[in-house]
Amino acid sequence: MKSNEYEQTKAWLKANQASDDNSRHSLFNDHRHAIVASSDPYGLLAEVISEGKEYHYCNGSYISYMMKKGMKFLGGEPIS
């Protein structure tokens, strides 16, 4: 990958990070961004929060989700 493409992609990811009080750099509102952010060379892990669910990605693949119920998160099974 060319350096210019890498920098453009990093800027695209940064511009599409979800706002969060904890300033998690791996949190996005869209699954497309999380897939790229969790892929080499950009990172290993990323998350998406959508419709009360938190989705987790590792190495470009979906691994699990957690549903928000009150203040608790209930773990979900990975989809194969």
PDB file of N, CA and C in Angstrom:
ATOM      1  N   MET A   1       0.847  -1.172   0.000  1.00  0.00           N
ATOM      2  CA  MET A   1       0.000   0.000   0.000  1.00  0.00           C
ATOM      3  C   MET A   1       0.894   1.237   0.000  1.00  0.00           C
ATOM      4  N   LYS A   2       0.546   2.192  -0.795  1.00  0.00           N
ATOM      5  CA  LYS A   2       1.304   3.432  -0.877  1.00  0.00           C
ATOM      6  C   LYS A   2       1.064   4.269   0.370  1.00  0.00           C
ATOM      7  N   SER A   3       2.088   5.031   0.746  1.00  0.00           N
ATOM      8  CA  SER A   3       2.007   5.877   1.926  1.00  0.00           C
ATOM      9  C   SER A   3       0.833   6.846   1.849  1.00  0.00           C
ATOM     10  N   ASN A   4       0.593   7.429   0.675  1.00  0.00           N
ATOM     11  CA  ASN A   4      -0.498   8.377   0.496  1.00  0.00           C
ATOM     12  C   ASN A   4      -1.859   7.713   0.747  1.00  0.00           C
ATOM     13  N   GLU A   5      -2.053   6.483   0.253  1.00  0.00           N
ATOM     14  CA  GLU A   5      -3.312   5.758   0.477  1.00  0.00           C
ATOM     15  C   GLU A   5      -3.498   5.465   1.961  1.00  0.00           C
ATOM     16  N   TYR A   6      -2.409   5.087   2.613  1.00  0.00           N
ATOM     17  CA  TYR A   6      -2.461   4.795   4.044  1.00  0.00           C
ATOM     18  C   TYR A   6      -2.898   6.044   4.818  1.00  0.00           C
ATOM     19  N   GLU A   7      -2.280   7.169   4.534  1.00  0.00           N
ATOM     20  CA  GLU A   7      -2.612   8.412   5.227  1.00  0.00           C
ATOM     21  C   GLU A   7      -4.051   8.848   4.942  1.00  0.00           C
ATOM     22  N   GLN A   8      -4.508   8.680   3.713  1.00  0.00           N
ATOM     23  CA  GLN A   8      -5.892   9.032   3.361  1.00  0.00           C
ATOM     24  C   GLN A   8      -6.883   8.147   4.119  1.00  0.00           C
ATOM     25  N   THR A   9      -6.579   6.864   4.213  1.00  0.00           N
ATOM     26  CA  THR A   9      -7.465   5.943   4.931  1.00  0.00           C
ATOM     27  C   THR A   9      -7.480   6.263   6.417  1.00  0.00           C
ATOM     28  N   LYS A  10      -6.316   6.560   7.003  1.00  0.00           N
ATOM     29  CA  LYS A  10      -6.254   6.932   8.419  1.00  0.00           C
ATOM     30  C   LYS A  10      -7.089   8.192   8.676  1.00  0.00           C
ATOM     31  N   ALA A  11      -7.009   9.169   7.777  1.00  0.00           N
ATOM     32  CA  ALA A  11      -7.785  10.397   7.928  1.00  0.00           C
ATOM     33  C   ALA A  11      -9.282  10.103   7.798  1.00  0.00           C
ATOM     34  N   TRP A  12      -9.659   9.205   6.879  1.00  0.00           N
ATOM     35  CA  TRP A  12     -11.059   8.808   6.688  1.00  0.00           C
ATOM     36  C   TRP A  12     -11.590   8.144   7.958  1.00  0.00           C
ATOM     37  N   LEU A  13     -10.784   7.255   8.551  1.00  0.00           N
ATOM     38  CA  LEU A  13     -11.206   6.592   9.787  1.00  0.00           C
ATOM     39  C   LEU A  13     -11.363   7.603  10.918  1.00  0.00           C
ATOM     40  N   LYS A  14     -10.389   8.481  11.067  1.00  0.00           N
ATOM     41  CA  LYS A  14     -10.459   9.486  12.131  1.00  0.00           C
ATOM     42  C   LYS A  14     -11.692  10.373  11.971  1.00  0.00           C
ATOM     43  N   ALA A  15     -12.010  10.755  10.743  1.00  0.00           N
ATOM     44  CA  ALA A  15     -13.177  11.604  10.484  1.00  0.00           C
ATOM     45  C   ALA A  15     -14.489  10.883  10.772  1.00  0.00           C
ATOM     46  N   ASN A  16     -14.476   9.556  10.801  1.00  0.00           N
ATOM     47  CA  ASN A  16     -15.704   8.781  10.992  1.00  0.00           C
ATOM     48  C   ASN A  16     -15.780   8.072  12.334  1.00  0.00           C
ATOM     49  N   GLN A  17     -14.915   8.452  13.265  1.00  0.00           N
ATOM     50  CA  GLN A  17     -15.002   7.883  14.606  1.00  0.00           C
ATOM     51  C   GLN A  17     -16.256   8.402  15.289  1.00  0.00           C
ATOM     52  N   ALA A  18     -16.857   7.556  16.110  1.00  0.00           N
ATOM     53  CA  ALA A  18     -18.033   7.964  16.876  1.00  0.00           C
ATOM     54  C   ALA A  18     -17.583   8.829  18.042  1.00  0.00           C
ATOM     55  N   SER A  19     -18.383   9.824  18.375  1.00  0.00           N
ATOM     56  CA  SER A  19     -18.054  10.625  19.549  1.00  0.00           C
ATOM     57  C   SER A  19     -18.407   9.811  20.785  1.00  0.00           C
ATOM     58  N   ASP A  20     -17.503   9.828  21.745  1.00  0.00           N
ATOM     59  CA  ASP A  20     -17.673   9.004  22.938  1.00  0.00           C
ATOM     60  C   ASP A  20     -16.970   9.699  24.093  1.00  0.00           C
ATOM     61  N   ASP A  21     -17.558   9.631  25.267  1.00  0.00           N
ATOM     62  CA  ASP A  21     -16.955  10.272  26.433  1.00  0.00           C
ATOM     63  C   ASP A  21     -15.600   9.672  26.802  1.00  0.00           C
ATOM     64  N   ASN A  22     -15.399   8.406  26.508  1.00  0.00           N
ATOM     65  CA  ASN A  22     -14.155   7.722  26.858  1.00  0.00           C
ATOM     66  C   ASN A  22     -13.075   7.907  25.802  1.00  0.00           C
ATOM     67  N   SER A  23     -13.380   8.597  24.718  1.00  0.00           N
ATOM     68  CA  SER A  23     -12.434   8.838  23.627  1.00  0.00           C
ATOM     69  C   SER A  23     -11.831   7.546  23.086  1.00  0.00           C
ATOM     70  N   ARG A  24     -12.662   6.535  22.902  1.00  0.00           N
ATOM     71  CA  ARG A  24     -12.179   5.278  22.315  1.00  0.00           C
ATOM     72  C   ARG A  24     -11.937   5.508  20.829  1.00  0.00           C
ATOM     73  N   HIS A  25     -10.712   5.336  20.397  1.00  0.00           N
ATOM     74  CA  HIS A  25     -10.348   5.583  19.005  1.00  0.00           C
ATOM     75  C   HIS A  25     -10.824   4.479  18.073  1.00  0.00           C
ATOM     76  N   SER A  26     -11.302   3.392  18.633  1.00  0.00           N
ATOM     77  CA  SER A  26     -11.749   2.268  17.806  1.00  0.00           C
ATOM     78  C   SER A  26     -13.268   2.162  17.745  1.00  0.00           C
ATOM     79  N   LEU A  27     -13.983   3.212  18.113  1.00  0.00           N
ATOM     80  CA  LEU A  27     -15.445   3.195  18.142  1.00  0.00           C
ATOM     81  C   LEU A  27     -15.994   3.958  16.942  1.00  0.00           C
ATOM     82  N   PHE A  28     -16.880   3.281  16.189  1.00  0.00           N
ATOM     83  CA  PHE A  28     -17.453   3.855  14.971  1.00  0.00           C
ATOM     84  C   PHE A  28     -18.961   3.674  14.963  1.00  0.00           C
ATOM     85  N   ASN A  29     -19.661   4.446  14.119  1.00  0.00           N
ATOM     86  CA  ASN A  29     -21.106   4.328  13.962  1.00  0.00           C
ATOM     87  C   ASN A  29     -21.488   3.436  12.793  1.00  0.00           C
ATOM     88  N   ASP A  30     -20.521   3.001  12.017  1.00  0.00           N
ATOM     89  CA  ASP A  30     -20.788   2.247  10.799  1.00  0.00           C
ATOM     90  C   ASP A  30     -19.885   1.017  10.741  1.00  0.00           C
ATOM     91  N   HIS A  31     -20.446  -0.092  10.364  1.00  0.00           N
ATOM     92  CA  HIS A  31     -19.695  -1.345  10.315  1.00  0.00           C
ATOM     93  C   HIS A  31     -18.550  -1.301   9.305  1.00  0.00           C
ATOM     94  N   ARG A  32     -18.722  -0.588   8.206  1.00  0.00           N
ATOM     95  CA  ARG A  32     -17.655  -0.494   7.190  1.00  0.00           C
ATOM     96  C   ARG A  32     -16.387   0.100   7.783  1.00  0.00           C
ATOM     97  N   HIS A  33     -16.547   1.129   8.596  1.00  0.00           N
ATOM     98  CA  HIS A  33     -15.382   1.766   9.209  1.00  0.00           C
ATOM     99  C   HIS A  33     -14.707   0.814  10.197  1.00  0.00           C
ATOM    100  N   ALA A  34     -15.507   0.079  10.962  1.00  0.00           N
ATOM    101  CA  ALA A  34     -14.941  -0.850  11.942  1.00  0.00           C
ATOM    102  C   ALA A  34     -14.180  -1.985  11.269  1.00  0.00           C
ATOM    103  N   ILE A  35     -14.670  -2.462  10.145  1.00  0.00           N
ATOM    104  CA  ILE A  35     -13.975  -3.537   9.425  1.00  0.00           C
ATOM    105  C   ILE A  35     -12.604  -3.055   8.977  1.00  0.00           C
ATOM    106  N   VAL A  36     -12.540  -1.872   8.399  1.00  0.00           N
ATOM    107  CA  VAL A  36     -11.249  -1.329   7.952  1.00  0.00           C
ATOM    108  C   VAL A  36     -10.348  -1.041   9.148  1.00  0.00           C
ATOM    109  N   ALA A  37     -10.909  -0.426  10.193  1.00  0.00           N
ATOM    110  CA  ALA A  37     -10.108  -0.048  11.362  1.00  0.00           C
ATOM    111  C   ALA A  37      -9.536  -1.260  12.084  1.00  0.00           C
ATOM    112  N   SER A  38     -10.198  -2.405  11.978  1.00  0.00           N
ATOM    113  CA  SER A  38      -9.721  -3.604  12.668  1.00  0.00           C
ATOM    114  C   SER A  38      -8.850  -4.468  11.761  1.00  0.00           C
ATOM    115  N   SER A  39      -8.444  -3.934  10.636  1.00  0.00           N
ATOM    116  CA  SER A  39      -7.628  -4.686   9.678  1.00  0.00           C
ATOM    117  C   SER A  39      -6.216  -4.117   9.614  1.00  0.00           C
ATOM    118  N   ASP A  40      -5.263  -4.972   9.327  1.00  0.00           N
ATOM    119  CA  ASP A  40      -3.879  -4.563   9.152  1.00  0.00           C
ATOM    120  C   ASP A  40      -3.781  -3.613   7.964  1.00  0.00           C
ATOM    121  N   PRO A  41      -3.114  -2.531   8.022  1.00  0.00           N
ATOM    122  CA  PRO A  41      -2.176  -2.042   9.040  1.00  0.00           C
ATOM    123  C   PRO A  41      -2.779  -1.016   9.998  1.00  0.00           C
ATOM    124  N   TYR A  42      -4.088  -0.899  10.062  1.00  0.00           N
ATOM    125  CA  TYR A  42      -4.721   0.167  10.838  1.00  0.00           C
ATOM    126  C   TYR A  42      -4.974  -0.191  12.290  1.00  0.00           C
ATOM    127  N   GLY A  43      -5.095  -1.433  12.606  1.00  0.00           N
ATOM    128  CA  GLY A  43      -5.355  -1.832  13.972  1.00  0.00           C
ATOM    129  C   GLY A  43      -5.796  -3.282  14.041  1.00  0.00           C
ATOM    130  N   LEU A  44      -6.195  -3.712  15.223  1.00  0.00           N
ATOM    131  CA  LEU A  44      -6.615  -5.094  15.419  1.00  0.00           C
ATOM    132  C   LEU A  44      -8.073  -5.180  15.862  1.00  0.00           C
ATOM    133  N   LEU A  45      -8.523  -4.239  16.688  1.00  0.00           N
ATOM    134  CA  LEU A  45      -9.875  -4.287  17.245  1.00  0.00           C
ATOM    135  C   LEU A  45     -10.643  -3.012  16.919  1.00  0.00           C
ATOM    136  N   ALA A  46     -11.960  -3.146  16.755  1.00  0.00           N
ATOM    137  CA  ALA A  46     -12.836  -1.988  16.556  1.00  0.00           C
ATOM    138  C   ALA A  46     -14.236  -2.344  17.022  1.00  0.00           C
ATOM    139  N   GLU A  47     -15.029  -1.305  17.295  1.00  0.00           N
ATOM    140  CA  GLU A  47     -16.387  -1.502  17.781  1.00  0.00           C
ATOM    141  C   GLU A  47     -17.351  -0.583  17.041  1.00  0.00           C
ATOM    142  N   VAL A  48     -18.609  -1.014  16.981  1.00  0.00           N
ATOM    143  CA  VAL A  48     -19.700  -0.206  16.432  1.00  0.00           C
ATOM    144  C   VAL A  48     -20.821  -0.215  17.447  1.00  0.00           C
ATOM    145  N   ILE A  49     -21.408   0.939  17.700  1.00  0.00           N
ATOM    146  CA  ILE A  49     -22.611   0.999  18.522  1.00  0.00           C
ATOM    147  C   ILE A  49     -23.750   1.419  17.602  1.00  0.00           C
ATOM    148  N   SER A  50     -24.756   0.561  17.523  1.00  0.00           N
ATOM    149  CA  SER A  50     -25.881   0.802  16.634  1.00  0.00           C
ATOM    150  C   SER A  50     -27.143   0.197  17.231  1.00  0.00           C
ATOM    151  N   GLU A  51     -28.185   0.989  17.299  1.00  0.00           N
ATOM    152  CA  GLU A  51     -29.494   0.541  17.781  1.00  0.00           C
ATOM    153  C   GLU A  51     -29.415  -0.203  19.112  1.00  0.00           C
ATOM    154  N   GLY A  52     -28.652   0.345  20.054  1.00  0.00           N
ATOM    155  CA  GLY A  52     -28.555  -0.240  21.390  1.00  0.00           C
ATOM    156  C   GLY A  52     -27.696  -1.483  21.484  1.00  0.00           C
ATOM    157  N   LYS A  53     -26.961  -1.806  20.440  1.00  0.00           N
ATOM    158  CA  LYS A  53     -26.071  -2.966  20.454  1.00  0.00           C
ATOM    159  C   LYS A  53     -24.641  -2.510  20.186  1.00  0.00           C
ATOM    160  N   GLU A  54     -23.701  -3.194  20.798  1.00  0.00           N
ATOM    161  CA  GLU A  54     -22.291  -2.922  20.583  1.00  0.00           C
ATOM    162  C   GLU A  54     -21.692  -4.130  19.867  1.00  0.00           C
ATOM    163  N   TYR A  55     -21.171  -3.904  18.666  1.00  0.00           N
ATOM    164  CA  TYR A  55     -20.598  -4.960  17.833  1.00  0.00           C
ATOM    165  C   TYR A  55     -19.081  -4.884  17.894  1.00  0.00           C
ATOM    166  N   HIS A  56     -18.438  -6.038  17.964  1.00  0.00           N
ATOM    167  CA  HIS A  56     -16.985  -6.099  18.083  1.00  0.00           C
ATOM    168  C   HIS A  56     -16.374  -6.757  16.851  1.00  0.00           C
ATOM    169  N   TYR A  57     -15.297  -6.157  16.369  1.00  0.00           N
ATOM    170  CA  TYR A  57     -14.566  -6.670  15.209  1.00  0.00           C
ATOM    171  C   TYR A  57     -13.116  -6.916  15.604  1.00  0.00           C
ATOM    172  N   CYS A  58     -12.547  -7.969  15.077  1.00  0.00           N
ATOM    173  CA  CYS A  58     -11.141  -8.294  15.298  1.00  0.00           C
ATOM    174  C   CYS A  58     -10.539  -8.749  13.978  1.00  0.00           C
ATOM    175  N   ASN A  59      -9.438  -8.117  13.599  1.00  0.00           N
ATOM    176  CA  ASN A  59      -8.718  -8.484  12.385  1.00  0.00           C
ATOM    177  C   ASN A  59      -9.638  -8.518  11.157  1.00  0.00           C
ATOM    178  N   GLY A  60     -10.522  -7.532  11.052  1.00  0.00           N
ATOM    179  CA  GLY A  60     -11.396  -7.400   9.895  1.00  0.00           C
ATOM    180  C   GLY A  60     -12.634  -8.270   9.901  1.00  0.00           C
ATOM    181  N   SER A  61     -12.862  -9.007  10.999  1.00  0.00           N
ATOM    182  CA  SER A  61     -14.015  -9.911  11.067  1.00  0.00           C
ATOM    183  C   SER A  61     -14.885  -9.602  12.282  1.00  0.00           C
ATOM    184  N   TYR A  62     -16.178  -9.784  12.106  1.00  0.00           N
ATOM    185  CA  TYR A  62     -17.141  -9.638  13.199  1.00  0.00           C
ATOM    186  C   TYR A  62     -16.916 -10.773  14.187  1.00  0.00           C
ATOM    187  N   ILE A  63     -16.861 -10.453  15.499  1.00  0.00           N
ATOM    188  CA  ILE A  63     -16.651 -11.522  16.479  1.00  0.00           C
ATOM    189  C   ILE A  63     -17.768 -11.654  17.504  1.00  0.00           C
ATOM    190  N   SER A  64     -18.432 -10.535  17.896  1.00  0.00           N
ATOM    191  CA  SER A  64     -19.501 -10.664  18.886  1.00  0.00           C
ATOM    192  C   SER A  64     -20.277  -9.356  19.001  1.00  0.00           C
ATOM    193  N   TYR A  65     -21.365  -9.410  19.755  1.00  0.00           N
ATOM    194  CA  TYR A  65     -22.113  -8.196  20.060  1.00  0.00           C
ATOM    195  C   TYR A  65     -22.609  -8.255  21.490  1.00  0.00           C
ATOM    196  N   MET A  66     -22.933  -7.086  22.026  1.00  0.00           N
ATOM    197  CA  MET A  66     -23.519  -7.004  23.355  1.00  0.00           C
ATOM    198  C   MET A  66     -24.722  -6.087  23.254  1.00  0.00           C
ATOM    199  N   MET A  67     -25.842  -6.508  23.849  1.00  0.00           N
ATOM    200  CA  MET A  67     -27.057  -5.687  23.858  1.00  0.00           C
ATOM    201  C   MET A  67     -27.111  -4.906  25.160  1.00  0.00           C
ATOM    202  N   LYS A  68     -27.413  -3.637  25.046  1.00  0.00           N
ATOM    203  CA  LYS A  68     -27.516  -2.801  26.235  1.00  0.00           C
ATOM    204  C   LYS A  68     -28.906  -2.981  26.846  1.00  0.00           C
ATOM    205  N   LYS A  69     -28.944  -3.346  28.105  1.00  0.00           N
ATOM    206  CA  LYS A  69     -30.208  -3.509  28.825  1.00  0.00           C
ATOM    207  C   LYS A  69     -30.048  -2.778  30.149  1.00  0.00           C
ATOM    208  N   GLY A  70     -30.624  -1.590  30.215  1.00  0.00           N
ATOM    209  CA  GLY A  70     -30.399  -0.753  31.389  1.00  0.00           C
ATOM    210  C   GLY A  70     -28.940  -0.323  31.386  1.00  0.00           C
ATOM    211  N   MET A  71     -28.226  -0.636  32.430  1.00  0.00           N
ATOM    212  CA  MET A  71     -26.810  -0.306  32.509  1.00  0.00           C
ATOM    213  C   MET A  71     -25.931  -1.529  32.252  1.00  0.00           C
ATOM    214  N   LYS A  72     -26.531  -2.676  31.925  1.00  0.00           N
ATOM    215  CA  LYS A  72     -25.780  -3.909  31.722  1.00  0.00           C
ATOM    216  C   LYS A  72     -25.651  -4.207  30.239  1.00  0.00           C
ATOM    217  N   PHE A  73     -24.621  -4.922  29.883  1.00  0.00           N
ATOM    218  CA  PHE A  73     -24.473  -5.430  28.534  1.00  0.00           C
ATOM    219  C   PHE A  73     -24.582  -6.941  28.569  1.00  0.00           C
ATOM    220  N   LEU A  74     -25.400  -7.478  27.699  1.00  0.00           N
ATOM    221  CA  LEU A  74     -25.576  -8.923  27.617  1.00  0.00           C
ATOM    222  C   LEU A  74     -24.786  -9.437  26.414  1.00  0.00           C
ATOM    223  N   GLY A  75     -23.894 -10.383  26.630  1.00  0.00           N
ATOM    224  CA  GLY A  75     -23.033 -10.879  25.563  1.00  0.00           C
ATOM    225  C   GLY A  75     -23.803 -11.667  24.518  1.00  0.00           C
ATOM    226  N   GLY A  76     -23.392 -11.530  23.289  1.00  0.00           N
ATOM    227  CA  GLY A  76     -24.002 -12.254  22.183  1.00  0.00           C
ATOM    228  C   GLY A  76     -23.024 -13.259  21.609  1.00  0.00           C
ATOM    229  N   GLU A  77     -23.543 -14.209  20.927  1.00  0.00           N
ATOM    230  CA  GLU A  77     -22.717 -15.233  20.284  1.00  0.00           C
ATOM    231  C   GLU A  77     -22.233 -14.752  18.916  1.00  0.00           C
ATOM    232  N   PRO A  78     -20.989 -15.060  18.578  1.00  0.00           N
ATOM    233  CA  PRO A  78     -20.517 -14.695  17.241  1.00  0.00           C
ATOM    234  C   PRO A  78     -21.327 -15.399  16.150  1.00  0.00           C
ATOM    235  N   ILE A  79     -21.506 -14.721  15.053  1.00  0.00           N
ATOM    236  CA  ILE A  79     -22.188 -15.304  13.904  1.00  0.00           C
ATOM    237  C   ILE A  79     -21.147 -15.974  13.042  1.00  0.00           C
ATOM    238  N   SER A  80     -21.375 -17.233  12.676  1.00  0.00           N
ATOM    239  CA  SER A  80     -20.382 -17.917  11.835  1.00  0.00           C
ATOM    240  C   SER A  80     -20.826 -17.948  10.402  1.00  0.00           C
TER     241      SER A  80
END
